[in-house]
């Protein structure tokens, strides 16, 4: 059981809802048709890619030394600390990441055969490259103040439009893109909230993010702006007829990010207090995503 708990921790398994829910939403918004085999195959690719990226991120942060600065395990940010504690090696993370990437590639190839077109393989080659480029390589988005943009794209447009494409065969689609925006902004808000407690550690090894742009003291303002952009995109989609009025129920969850912003404002140097802002942002994401999925049935 101990080894299993370590594997779950290394994979950051609870976080896969961040990819499952947007993909499910994208798969449902076609409305007139639902191909369950395509959905399940795509879901395997989505989950495997997410796990591969999680593992590669820990591998990269171990290589850079950022995860060794603070030895404490926080759960929601700062890495799994399993490499630093000698539970698993960097090579273990690398090989397991490549294994899940291989599973994802196999699923995409099968999906391509099922759909009778090569597009899925072409699109996925870009997605997996971008997923890895978030952490490693010459791009290293998360180290070059572009991590938030990459996550916005991967967990917003890529997942929602990907689910839509698998069901409809249509890409690109303006409606699907517009519908993906709330998901992208809200997950970017979560990433940003998680970056605040790690700011000084990240900065010491040359890892730059948007917290540096505004400073930890003013990070709450950018957090509010990102969340506001998510809600504005929901208003736009409802006004454009892309979402039913029921989607406005997501505004009931505004107190969650407002409470998170207050914590970020008052405790931007206190990692343990900032766990609460991350938890509140996770709750907002889950409730909002489930509400939007529910709206897809109306």
Protein backbone atom coordinates (compact mmCIF):
# COMPACT_ATOMS: atom_id res chain seq x y z
CA UNK A 1 0.00 0.00 0.00
CA UNK A 2 2.91 2.31 0.75
CA UNK A 3 4.33 1.85 -2.75
CA UNK A 4 0.88 2.43 -4.26
CA UNK A 5 0.47 5.68 -2.35
CA UNK A 6 3.88 6.78 -3.61
CA UNK A 7 2.88 6.02 -7.20
CA UNK A 8 -0.36 8.01 -6.79
CA UNK A 9 1.67 10.88 -5.35
CA UNK A 10 4.25 10.74 -8.13
CA UNK A 11 1.53 10.76 -10.79
CA UNK A 12 -0.41 13.57 -9.06
CA UNK A 13 -3.38 11.35 -9.81
CA UNK A 14 -6.09 13.50 -8.15
CA UNK A 15 -5.29 16.32 -10.59
CA UNK A 16 -6.42 14.38 -13.66
CA UNK A 17 -9.93 15.80 -13.22
CA UNK A 18 -8.40 18.98 -14.67
CA UNK A 19 -8.12 17.20 -18.03
CA UNK A 20 -11.02 14.73 -17.79
CA UNK A 21 -13.73 17.35 -17.24
CA UNK A 22 -12.89 19.76 -20.10
CA UNK A 23 -12.48 16.83 -22.51
CA UNK A 24 -15.84 15.41 -21.42
CA UNK A 25 -17.47 18.81 -21.93
CA UNK A 26 -15.99 19.11 -25.41
CA UNK A 27 -17.23 15.63 -26.26
CA UNK A 28 -20.78 16.49 -25.22
CA UNK A 29 -21.29 19.85 -26.92
CA UNK A 30 -21.77 18.30 -30.38
CA UNK A 31 -25.19 17.29 -29.12
CA UNK A 32 -26.55 15.33 -32.05
CA UNK A 33 -24.17 12.38 -31.81
CA UNK A 34 -21.90 10.63 -29.31
CA UNK A 35 -19.36 7.98 -30.25
CA UNK A 36 -18.58 6.16 -27.01
CA UNK A 37 -15.60 4.20 -28.41
CA UNK A 38 -13.99 7.37 -29.71
CA UNK A 39 -14.65 9.09 -26.39
CA UNK A 40 -13.06 6.32 -24.32
CA UNK A 41 -10.05 6.07 -26.63
CA UNK A 42 -9.60 9.82 -26.53
CA UNK A 43 -9.98 9.80 -22.75
CA UNK A 44 -7.18 7.24 -22.42
CA UNK A 45 -4.95 9.48 -24.53
CA UNK A 46 -5.89 12.54 -22.45
CA UNK A 47 -5.23 10.88 -19.08
CA UNK A 48 -2.00 9.23 -20.23
CA UNK A 49 -0.71 12.52 -21.65
CA UNK A 50 -1.56 14.35 -18.44
CA UNK A 51 0.27 11.76 -16.33
CA UNK A 52 3.27 11.80 -18.66
CA UNK A 53 3.46 15.59 -18.36
CA UNK A 54 3.14 15.47 -14.56
CA UNK A 55 6.04 13.04 -14.29
CA UNK A 56 8.18 15.02 -16.71
CA UNK A 57 7.53 18.17 -14.70
CA UNK A 58 8.85 16.58 -11.51
CA UNK A 59 11.82 15.23 -13.45
CA UNK A 60 12.63 18.68 -14.85
CA UNK A 61 12.20 20.42 -11.49
CA UNK A 62 14.52 17.88 -9.90
CA UNK A 63 17.12 18.47 -12.60
CA UNK A 64 16.94 22.24 -12.08
CA UNK A 65 17.18 21.82 -8.31
CA UNK A 66 14.07 23.84 -7.52
CA UNK A 67 12.33 20.96 -5.71
CA UNK A 68 15.34 20.50 -3.42
CA UNK A 69 15.19 24.01 -1.94
CA UNK A 70 12.21 23.37 0.35
CA UNK A 71 12.14 19.71 1.51
CA UNK A 72 8.57 19.87 2.83
CA UNK A 73 5.79 18.17 0.86
CA UNK A 74 2.74 20.41 0.46
CA UNK A 75 0.65 18.27 -1.88
CA UNK A 76 -0.74 21.00 -4.12
CA UNK A 77 2.50 22.70 -5.17
CA UNK A 78 6.25 22.24 -4.87
CA UNK A 79 6.44 18.79 -6.46
CA UNK A 80 6.06 15.29 -5.05
CA UNK A 81 9.47 15.40 -3.25
CA UNK A 82 9.84 11.65 -3.85
CA UNK A 83 13.05 12.08 -5.82
CA UNK A 84 14.49 14.33 -3.12
CA UNK A 85 13.59 11.77 -0.42
CA UNK A 86 15.16 8.91 -2.35
CA UNK A 87 11.89 7.02 -2.90
CA UNK A 88 12.18 7.10 -6.70
CA UNK A 89 15.02 8.10 -9.00
CA UNK A 90 14.96 10.73 -11.72
CA UNK A 91 15.32 7.89 -14.22
CA UNK A 92 12.17 6.24 -12.81
CA UNK A 93 10.21 9.44 -13.43
CA UNK A 94 11.63 9.80 -16.92
CA UNK A 95 10.92 6.20 -17.95
CA UNK A 96 7.41 6.19 -16.45
CA UNK A 97 6.68 9.46 -18.25
CA UNK A 98 7.78 7.94 -21.56
CA UNK A 99 5.65 4.86 -20.83
CA UNK A 100 2.49 6.93 -20.41
CA UNK A 101 3.38 8.97 -23.49
CA UNK A 102 3.63 5.67 -25.42
CA UNK A 103 0.20 4.64 -24.13
CA UNK A 104 -1.20 7.96 -25.31
CA UNK A 105 0.39 7.61 -28.74
CA UNK A 106 -1.03 4.09 -29.12
CA UNK A 107 -4.50 5.37 -28.19
CA UNK A 108 -4.26 8.21 -30.71
CA UNK A 109 -3.14 5.83 -33.48
CA UNK A 110 -6.11 3.59 -32.68
CA UNK A 111 -8.39 6.64 -32.69
CA UNK A 112 -6.99 7.69 -36.06
CA UNK A 113 -7.77 4.24 -37.47
CA UNK A 114 -11.26 4.32 -35.93
CA UNK A 115 -11.99 7.74 -37.44
CA UNK A 116 -10.42 6.77 -40.77
CA UNK A 117 -8.23 9.88 -40.95
CA UNK A 118 -4.66 10.89 -40.14
CA UNK A 119 -5.52 14.25 -38.52
CA UNK A 120 -5.56 12.96 -34.92
CA UNK A 121 -1.94 11.79 -35.18
CA UNK A 122 -0.82 15.11 -36.66
CA UNK A 123 -2.64 17.18 -34.04
CA UNK A 124 -1.47 14.97 -31.20
CA UNK A 125 2.18 15.22 -32.21
CA UNK A 126 1.89 18.97 -31.58
CA UNK A 127 0.05 18.45 -28.29
CA UNK A 128 2.55 15.98 -26.80
CA UNK A 129 5.46 18.17 -27.91
CA UNK A 130 3.86 21.17 -26.22
CA UNK A 131 3.11 19.14 -23.08
CA UNK A 132 6.76 18.18 -22.71
CA UNK A 133 7.98 21.63 -23.76
CA UNK A 134 6.16 23.01 -20.73
CA UNK A 135 8.91 21.50 -18.55
CA UNK A 136 11.92 20.58 -20.68
CA UNK A 137 13.88 21.34 -23.82
CA UNK A 138 14.89 24.62 -25.36
CA UNK A 139 11.42 26.10 -24.82
CA UNK A 140 10.76 25.12 -21.17
CA UNK A 141 7.61 27.26 -21.02
CA UNK A 142 7.26 27.01 -17.24
CA UNK A 143 10.76 28.47 -16.83
CA UNK A 144 10.30 31.33 -19.33
CA UNK A 145 7.16 33.12 -18.12
CA UNK A 146 5.03 31.25 -20.66
CA UNK A 147 3.80 28.37 -18.51
CA UNK A 148 0.44 29.96 -17.82
CA UNK A 149 -0.20 30.48 -21.54
CA UNK A 150 0.78 26.88 -22.32
CA UNK A 151 -1.52 25.52 -19.60
CA UNK A 152 -4.35 27.79 -20.78
CA UNK A 153 -4.02 26.34 -24.30
CA UNK A 154 -3.54 22.70 -23.26
CA UNK A 155 -6.34 22.55 -20.68
CA UNK A 156 -8.73 24.87 -22.51
CA UNK A 157 -8.81 24.89 -26.32
CA UNK A 158 -6.87 21.63 -26.76
CA UNK A 159 -9.10 19.53 -24.50
CA UNK A 160 -12.48 21.05 -25.36
CA UNK A 161 -11.82 21.38 -29.09
CA UNK A 162 -10.16 17.96 -29.05
CA UNK A 163 -13.25 16.33 -27.55
CA UNK A 164 -15.43 18.18 -30.04
CA UNK A 165 -13.23 17.12 -32.97
CA UNK A 166 -13.29 13.45 -31.98
CA UNK A 167 -17.10 13.46 -31.94
CA UNK A 168 -17.79 15.75 -34.91
CA UNK A 169 -14.70 15.44 -37.10
CA UNK A 170 -14.62 19.24 -37.30
CA UNK A 171 -11.50 21.28 -36.50
CA UNK A 172 -11.16 24.16 -36.01
CA UNK A 173 -14.57 25.33 -34.83
CA UNK A 174 -15.25 28.85 -33.53
CA UNK A 175 -18.04 27.78 -31.16
CA UNK A 176 -15.89 25.04 -29.61
CA UNK A 177 -13.04 27.52 -29.19
CA UNK A 178 -15.28 30.04 -27.43
CA UNK A 179 -16.64 27.31 -25.16
CA UNK A 180 -13.11 26.28 -24.23
CA UNK A 181 -12.14 29.69 -22.86
CA UNK A 182 -13.66 29.38 -19.36
CA UNK A 183 -11.81 26.09 -18.82
CA UNK A 184 -8.52 27.59 -19.98
CA UNK A 185 -8.75 30.70 -17.83
CA UNK A 186 -9.80 28.85 -14.67
CA UNK A 187 -7.03 26.25 -14.85
CA UNK A 188 -4.56 29.07 -15.55
CA UNK A 189 -5.84 30.71 -12.35
CA UNK A 190 -5.09 27.49 -10.45
CA UNK A 191 -1.57 27.30 -11.85
CA UNK A 192 -1.01 30.94 -10.94
CA UNK A 193 -2.29 30.40 -7.39
CA UNK A 194 0.13 27.47 -7.04
CA UNK A 195 3.02 29.59 -8.30
CA UNK A 196 2.72 32.23 -5.58
CA UNK A 197 4.04 30.04 -2.72
CA UNK A 198 6.85 28.70 -4.91
CA UNK A 199 7.91 32.11 -6.20
CA UNK A 200 11.13 32.63 -4.24
CA UNK A 201 12.25 29.01 -4.76
CA UNK A 202 11.53 29.22 -8.49
CA UNK A 203 13.30 32.55 -8.86
CA UNK A 204 16.46 31.24 -7.19
CA UNK A 205 16.99 28.69 -9.99
CA UNK A 206 15.93 30.97 -12.84
CA UNK A 207 12.36 29.69 -13.15
CA UNK A 208 10.22 32.67 -14.13
CA UNK A 209 6.43 32.94 -14.19
CA UNK A 210 3.79 35.65 -14.16
CA UNK A 211 4.16 36.16 -10.41
CA UNK A 212 7.48 37.83 -11.23
CA UNK A 213 5.65 40.15 -13.62
CA UNK A 214 3.40 41.58 -10.91
CA UNK A 215 5.33 40.65 -7.70
CA UNK A 216 3.95 38.37 -4.95
CA UNK A 217 2.45 41.39 -3.16
CA UNK A 218 0.23 42.16 -6.16
CA UNK A 219 -0.30 38.59 -7.33
CA UNK A 220 -3.87 38.62 -6.02
CA UNK A 221 -4.75 41.30 -8.59
CA UNK A 222 -3.64 39.19 -11.54
CA UNK A 223 -5.35 36.16 -10.01
CA UNK A 224 -8.62 38.12 -9.88
CA UNK A 225 -8.09 39.28 -13.47
CA UNK A 226 -7.61 35.72 -14.74
CA UNK A 227 -10.72 34.47 -12.92
CA UNK A 228 -12.68 37.49 -14.17
CA UNK A 229 -11.64 36.66 -17.74
CA UNK A 230 -13.05 33.16 -17.21
CA UNK A 231 -16.39 34.50 -16.05
CA UNK A 232 -16.51 37.10 -18.82
CA UNK A 233 -16.00 34.31 -21.35
CA UNK A 234 -19.00 32.49 -19.85
CA UNK A 235 -21.11 35.63 -20.23
CA UNK A 236 -19.96 35.92 -23.83
CA UNK A 237 -20.88 32.30 -24.58
CA UNK A 238 -24.33 32.69 -23.03
CA UNK A 239 -24.94 35.95 -24.90
CA UNK A 240 -23.80 34.34 -28.17
CA UNK A 241 -26.14 31.40 -27.63
CA UNK A 242 -23.25 28.93 -27.26
CA UNK A 243 -24.27 28.11 -23.68
CA UNK A 244 -27.72 27.97 -22.08
CA UNK A 245 -28.70 30.45 -19.37
CA UNK A 246 -28.15 27.62 -16.87
CA UNK A 247 -24.40 28.18 -17.31
CA UNK A 248 -24.81 31.41 -15.33
CA UNK A 249 -25.19 29.20 -12.25
CA UNK A 250 -21.38 29.15 -12.27
CA UNK A 251 -21.52 32.67 -10.82
CA UNK A 252 -22.69 31.11 -7.56
CA UNK A 253 -19.11 29.95 -7.07
CA UNK A 254 -17.53 33.43 -7.22
CA UNK A 255 -17.08 33.52 -3.41
CA UNK A 256 -14.51 30.72 -3.75
CA UNK A 257 -11.96 32.63 -5.88
CA UNK A 258 -12.69 35.83 -3.95
CA UNK A 259 -11.74 34.06 -0.72
CA UNK A 260 -8.67 32.65 -2.46
CA UNK A 261 -7.65 36.12 -3.64
CA UNK A 262 -7.98 37.43 -0.10
CA UNK A 263 -5.65 34.71 1.17
CA UNK A 264 -3.11 35.41 -1.58
CA UNK A 265 -3.23 39.13 -0.72
CA UNK A 266 -2.73 38.66 3.03
CA UNK A 267 -0.47 35.60 3.15
CA UNK A 268 1.61 35.66 -0.04
CA UNK A 269 4.72 34.56 1.89
CA UNK A 270 3.05 31.83 3.97
CA UNK A 271 3.07 28.52 2.07
CA UNK A 272 0.83 26.69 4.52
CA UNK A 273 -1.81 29.41 4.39
CA UNK A 274 -1.57 29.46 0.60
CA UNK A 275 -2.63 25.82 0.55
CA UNK A 276 -6.10 27.18 1.29
CA UNK A 277 -6.10 29.48 -1.75
CA UNK A 278 -5.12 26.52 -3.91
CA UNK A 279 -7.86 24.35 -2.39
CA UNK A 280 -10.46 27.05 -3.00
CA UNK A 281 -9.35 27.44 -6.62
CA UNK A 282 -9.49 23.68 -7.14
CA UNK A 283 -13.02 23.64 -5.72
CA UNK A 284 -14.03 26.48 -8.03
CA UNK A 285 -12.64 24.60 -11.03
CA UNK A 286 -14.44 21.36 -10.19
CA UNK A 287 -17.81 22.98 -9.43
CA UNK A 288 -17.61 25.25 -12.47
CA UNK A 289 -16.59 22.43 -14.79
CA UNK A 290 -19.36 20.15 -13.56
CA UNK A 291 -21.93 22.93 -13.94
CA UNK A 292 -20.83 23.60 -17.52
CA UNK A 293 -20.95 19.87 -18.28
CA UNK A 294 -24.48 19.85 -16.88
CA UNK A 295 -25.36 22.79 -19.13
CA UNK A 296 -24.32 20.71 -22.15
CA UNK A 297 -27.34 18.48 -21.56
CA UNK A 298 -29.79 21.39 -21.71
